[in-house]
Amino acid sequence: MSIWWSLHLRRDAASVRLARRLLVGTMETAGVDPDISYDLSVALSEACANAVEHGGSAASGGATGAFRVTAYLDGEKCRIEVADSGPGFPAVGRVRPQALPAAPDDAEHGRGLCLIQELADHVHFGNKPGKGGAVVSFDKILKWREDSPLMAS
């Protein structure tokens, strides 16, 4: 069983909720275990929130633009990619997940990428080639409910 979808979204808070609801609905309908669904929905929310906050074009001062969310449920794995049109990640176009600094306990921001890393099985942070923009992709092995109508076979 394979399901995939892709959204082109405006950079606003409502887009984060929309992407999360679509992912949760897709996984619920497919019969994915609720704990796995929750982990992926939180990771997706964090990636989308980063795209909303940081994903504007440098030329516009970061105030405009859109971002793209693509999700693949393929067999026993879910892969999610969030790409924006902002300046991208610093440091030679790639952020090594193990090099992410921990945010201070009292910080209001700065935990998103670390949280994604904790919730997913594999994570990649990088930049789009050429025109720029950050790309956050992550995947997780799926577990299925016993009554799943679309259980991987």
C-alpha atoms as a PDB file:
ATOM      1  CA  MET A   1       0.000   0.000   0.000  1.00  0.00           C
ATOM      2  CA  SER A   2       1.297   3.438  -0.923  1.00  0.00           C
ATOM      3  CA  ILE A   3      -0.225   6.845  -0.312  1.00  0.00           C
ATOM      4  CA  TRP A   4       1.408  10.182  -1.061  1.00  0.00           C
ATOM      5  CA  TRP A   5       0.341  13.796  -1.151  1.00  0.00           C
ATOM      6  CA  SER A   6       1.980  17.156  -1.598  1.00  0.00           C
ATOM      7  CA  LEU A   7       0.787  20.588  -0.459  1.00  0.00           C
ATOM      8  CA  HIS A   8       1.926  24.057  -1.474  1.00  0.00           C
ATOM      9  CA  LEU A   9       1.076  26.250   1.525  1.00  0.00           C
ATOM     10  CA  ARG A  10       1.201  29.904   2.528  1.00  0.00           C
ATOM     11  CA  ARG A  11       3.550  30.823   5.346  1.00  0.00           C
ATOM     12  CA  ASP A  12       1.020  31.251   8.153  1.00  0.00           C
ATOM     13  CA  ALA A  13      -0.051  29.359  11.276  1.00  0.00           C
ATOM     14  CA  ALA A  14      -3.219  27.997   9.645  1.00  0.00           C
ATOM     15  CA  SER A  15      -1.042  26.125   7.144  1.00  0.00           C
ATOM     16  CA  VAL A  16       0.713  24.255   9.966  1.00  0.00           C
ATOM     17  CA  ARG A  17      -2.640  23.058  11.327  1.00  0.00           C
ATOM     18  CA  LEU A  18      -3.848  22.071   7.861  1.00  0.00           C
ATOM     19  CA  ALA A  19      -0.762  19.967   7.116  1.00  0.00           C
ATOM     20  CA  ARG A  20      -0.948  18.266  10.517  1.00  0.00           C
ATOM     21  CA  ARG A  21      -4.664  17.458  10.168  1.00  0.00           C
ATOM     22  CA  LEU A  22      -4.168  16.017   6.691  1.00  0.00           C
ATOM     23  CA  LEU A  23      -1.311  13.814   7.890  1.00  0.00           C
ATOM     24  CA  VAL A  24      -3.221  12.589  10.950  1.00  0.00           C
ATOM     25  CA  GLY A  25      -6.335  11.902   8.867  1.00  0.00           C
ATOM     26  CA  THR A  26      -4.350   9.991   6.267  1.00  0.00           C
ATOM     27  CA  MET A  27      -2.622   7.836   8.875  1.00  0.00           C
ATOM     28  CA  GLU A  28      -5.836   7.227  10.824  1.00  0.00           C
ATOM     29  CA  THR A  29      -7.679   6.153   7.669  1.00  0.00           C
ATOM     30  CA  ALA A  30      -4.790   3.884   6.653  1.00  0.00           C
ATOM     31  CA  GLY A  31      -4.715   2.277  10.105  1.00  0.00           C
ATOM     32  CA  VAL A  32      -1.376   3.525  11.424  1.00  0.00           C
ATOM     33  CA  ASP A  33      -0.818   3.045  15.155  1.00  0.00           C
ATOM     34  CA  PRO A  34      -1.923   6.231  17.003  1.00  0.00           C
ATOM     35  CA  ASP A  35       1.405   6.621  18.845  1.00  0.00           C
ATOM     36  CA  ILE A  36       3.354   6.624  15.563  1.00  0.00           C
ATOM     37  CA  SER A  37       0.808   8.987  14.047  1.00  0.00           C
ATOM     38  CA  TYR A  38       1.202  11.377  16.984  1.00  0.00           C
ATOM     39  CA  ASP A  39       5.014  11.367  16.803  1.00  0.00           C
ATOM     40  CA  LEU A  40       4.970  12.120  13.084  1.00  0.00           C
ATOM     41  CA  SER A  41       2.338  14.831  13.449  1.00  0.00           C
ATOM     42  CA  VAL A  42       4.393  16.631  16.109  1.00  0.00           C
ATOM     43  CA  ALA A  43       7.539  16.372  13.973  1.00  0.00           C
ATOM     44  CA  LEU A  44       5.615  17.690  10.958  1.00  0.00           C
ATOM     45  CA  SER A  45       4.237  20.582  13.007  1.00  0.00           C
ATOM     46  CA  GLU A  46       7.751  21.550  14.089  1.00  0.00           C
ATOM     47  CA  ALA A  47       9.109  21.392  10.530  1.00  0.00           C
ATOM     48  CA  CYS A  48       6.191  23.466   9.220  1.00  0.00           C
ATOM     49  CA  ALA A  49       6.523  26.010  12.042  1.00  0.00           C
ATOM     50  CA  ASN A  50      10.197  26.454  11.082  1.00  0.00           C
ATOM     51  CA  ALA A  51       9.212  26.979   7.435  1.00  0.00           C
ATOM     52  CA  VAL A  52       6.614  29.559   8.456  1.00  0.00           C
ATOM     53  CA  GLU A  53       9.034  31.408  10.720  1.00  0.00           C
ATOM     54  CA  HIS A  54      12.261  31.192   8.711  1.00  0.00           C
ATOM     55  CA  GLY A  55      11.242  30.212   5.178  1.00  0.00           C
ATOM     56  CA  GLY A  56      10.696  33.575   3.507  1.00  0.00           C
ATOM     57  CA  SER A  57      12.898  34.814   0.752  1.00  0.00           C
ATOM     58  CA  ALA A  58      15.799  36.940   1.873  1.00  0.00           C
ATOM     59  CA  ALA A  59      14.942  39.531  -0.778  1.00  0.00           C
ATOM     60  CA  SER A  60      11.508  40.119   0.764  1.00  0.00           C
ATOM     61  CA  GLY A  61      12.821  40.291   4.294  1.00  0.00           C
ATOM     62  CA  GLY A  62      11.264  36.906   5.048  1.00  0.00           C
ATOM     63  CA  ALA A  63       7.717  38.260   5.043  1.00  0.00           C
ATOM     64  CA  THR A  64       6.289  36.451   2.018  1.00  0.00           C
ATOM     65  CA  GLY A  65       6.498  33.108   0.334  1.00  0.00           C
ATOM     66  CA  ALA A  66       5.226  29.612   0.568  1.00  0.00           C
ATOM     67  CA  PHE A  67       6.454  26.209   1.558  1.00  0.00           C
ATOM     68  CA  ARG A  68       5.820  22.665   0.398  1.00  0.00           C
ATOM     69  CA  VAL A  69       4.965  19.573   2.411  1.00  0.00           C
ATOM     70  CA  THR A  70       5.142  16.105   0.869  1.00  0.00           C
ATOM     71  CA  ALA A  71       4.249  12.905   2.699  1.00  0.00           C
ATOM     72  CA  TYR A  72       4.741   9.322   1.538  1.00  0.00           C
ATOM     73  CA  LEU A  73       3.290   6.316   3.307  1.00  0.00           C
ATOM     74  CA  ASP A  74       4.918   3.442   1.491  1.00  0.00           C
ATOM     75  CA  GLY A  75       4.762  -0.058   2.883  1.00  0.00           C
ATOM     76  CA  GLU A  76       6.170   0.078   6.376  1.00  0.00           C
ATOM     77  CA  LYS A  77       7.665   3.583   6.297  1.00  0.00           C
ATOM     78  CA  CYS A  78       6.411   7.155   6.279  1.00  0.00           C
ATOM     79  CA  ARG A  79       8.668   9.835   4.795  1.00  0.00           C
ATOM     80  CA  ILE A  80       7.908  13.527   5.158  1.00  0.00           C
ATOM     81  CA  GLU A  81       9.650  16.454   3.502  1.00  0.00           C
ATOM     82  CA  VAL A  82       9.145  20.148   4.221  1.00  0.00           C
ATOM     83  CA  ALA A  83      10.858  22.591   1.854  1.00  0.00           C
ATOM     84  CA  ASP A  84      10.786  26.385   1.967  1.00  0.00           C
ATOM     85  CA  SER A  85      12.109  29.240  -0.147  1.00  0.00           C
ATOM     86  CA  GLY A  86      14.098  31.023   2.543  1.00  0.00           C
ATOM     87  CA  PRO A  87      17.823  31.484   2.971  1.00  0.00           C
ATOM     88  CA  GLY A  88      18.349  27.843   3.976  1.00  0.00           C
ATOM     89  CA  PHE A  89      20.545  26.432   6.674  1.00  0.00           C
ATOM     90  CA  PRO A  90      23.937  28.021   7.293  1.00  0.00           C
ATOM     91  CA  ALA A  91      27.275  26.187   7.195  1.00  0.00           C
ATOM     92  CA  VAL A  92      27.954  24.860   3.720  1.00  0.00           C
ATOM     93  CA  GLY A  93      24.370  23.902   2.938  1.00  0.00           C
ATOM     94  CA  ARG A  94      23.996  21.065   5.392  1.00  0.00           C
ATOM     95  CA  VAL A  95      23.289  20.789   9.085  1.00  0.00           C
ATOM     96  CA  ARG A  96      24.510  17.615  10.723  1.00  0.00           C
ATOM     97  CA  PRO A  97      21.740  16.477  13.116  1.00  0.00           C
ATOM     98  CA  GLN A  98      24.241  15.347  15.737  1.00  0.00           C
ATOM     99  CA  ALA A  99      25.719  18.870  15.720  1.00  0.00           C
ATOM    100  CA  LEU A 100      22.487  20.592  16.738  1.00  0.00           C
ATOM    101  CA  PRO A 101      22.925  22.501  19.988  1.00  0.00           C
ATOM    102  CA  ALA A 102      20.360  21.908  22.726  1.00  0.00           C
ATOM    103  CA  ALA A 103      18.177  24.905  23.543  1.00  0.00           C
ATOM    104  CA  PRO A 104      18.333  26.228  27.108  1.00  0.00           C
ATOM    105  CA  ASP A 105      15.541  24.952  29.371  1.00  0.00           C
ATOM    106  CA  ASP A 106      13.902  28.380  29.561  1.00  0.00           C
ATOM    107  CA  ALA A 107      14.105  29.133  25.811  1.00  0.00           C
ATOM    108  CA  GLU A 108      10.871  29.775  23.931  1.00  0.00           C
ATOM    109  CA  HIS A 109      12.389  28.761  20.565  1.00  0.00           C
ATOM    110  CA  GLY A 110      15.130  26.506  19.294  1.00  0.00           C
ATOM    111  CA  ARG A 111      13.830  23.033  20.098  1.00  0.00           C
ATOM    112  CA  GLY A 112      12.081  22.160  16.828  1.00  0.00           C
ATOM    113  CA  LEU A 113      14.901  20.478  14.911  1.00  0.00           C
ATOM    114  CA  CYS A 114      16.037  18.564  17.999  1.00  0.00           C
ATOM    115  CA  LEU A 115      12.463  17.406  18.621  1.00  0.00           C
ATOM    116  CA  ILE A 116      12.142  16.183  15.029  1.00  0.00           C
ATOM    117  CA  GLN A 117      15.384  14.276  15.496  1.00  0.00           C
ATOM    118  CA  GLU A 118      14.020  12.585  18.638  1.00  0.00           C
ATOM    119  CA  LEU A 119      10.639  11.651  17.123  1.00  0.00           C
ATOM    120  CA  ALA A 120      11.788  10.292  13.749  1.00  0.00           C
ATOM    121  CA  ASP A 121      13.982   7.328  12.855  1.00  0.00           C
ATOM    122  CA  HIS A 122      16.072   9.132  10.205  1.00  0.00           C
ATOM    123  CA  VAL A 123      16.426  12.879   9.698  1.00  0.00           C
ATOM    124  CA  HIS A 124      18.118  15.017   7.051  1.00  0.00           C
ATOM    125  CA  PHE A 125      18.511  18.798   7.192  1.00  0.00           C
ATOM    126  CA  GLY A 126      19.832  20.450   4.064  1.00  0.00           C
ATOM    127  CA  ASN A 127      19.372  23.117   1.429  1.00  0.00           C
ATOM    128  CA  LYS A 128      17.737  22.993  -1.980  1.00  0.00           C
ATOM    129  CA  PRO A 129      20.332  23.168  -4.737  1.00  0.00           C
ATOM    130  CA  GLY A 130      20.459  26.288  -6.840  1.00  0.00           C
ATOM    131  CA  LYS A 131      17.783  28.755  -5.816  1.00  0.00           C
ATOM    132  CA  GLY A 132      18.046  28.134  -2.083  1.00  0.00           C
ATOM    133  CA  GLY A 133      15.689  27.222   0.693  1.00  0.00           C
ATOM    134  CA  ALA A 134      15.822  24.734   3.532  1.00  0.00           C
ATOM    135  CA  VAL A 135      14.699  21.132   3.281  1.00  0.00           C
ATOM    136  CA  VAL A 136      13.837  19.063   6.345  1.00  0.00           C
ATOM    137  CA  SER A 137      13.078  15.413   5.640  1.00  0.00           C
ATOM    138  CA  PHE A 138      12.457  12.609   8.075  1.00  0.00           C
ATOM    139  CA  ASP A 139      11.034   9.133   8.152  1.00  0.00           C
ATOM    140  CA  LYS A 140       9.702   6.639  10.624  1.00  0.00           C
ATOM    141  CA  ILE A 141       8.922   2.948  10.498  1.00  0.00           C
ATOM    142  CA  LEU A 142       5.170   2.464  10.725  1.00  0.00           C
ATOM    143  CA  LYS A 143       3.253   0.217  13.075  1.00  0.00           C
ATOM    144  CA  TRP A 144      -0.276  -0.740  12.150  1.00  0.00           C
ATOM    145  CA  ARG A 145      -3.441  -1.203  14.175  1.00  0.00           C
ATOM    146  CA  GLU A 146      -4.697  -4.773  14.132  1.00  0.00           C
ATOM    147  CA  ASP A 147      -7.943  -3.642  12.469  1.00  0.00           C
ATOM    148  CA  SER A 148      -6.117  -1.635   9.814  1.00  0.00           C
ATOM    149  CA  PRO A 149      -8.022  -1.613   6.519  1.00  0.00           C
ATOM    150  CA  LEU A 150      -4.849  -0.902   4.556  1.00  0.00           C
ATOM    151  CA  MET A 151      -2.225  -2.791   6.549  1.00  0.00           C
ATOM    152  CA  ALA A 152       1.055  -3.175   4.701  1.00  0.00           C
ATOM    153  CA  SER A 153       1.389  -6.574   3.187  1.00  0.00           C
END
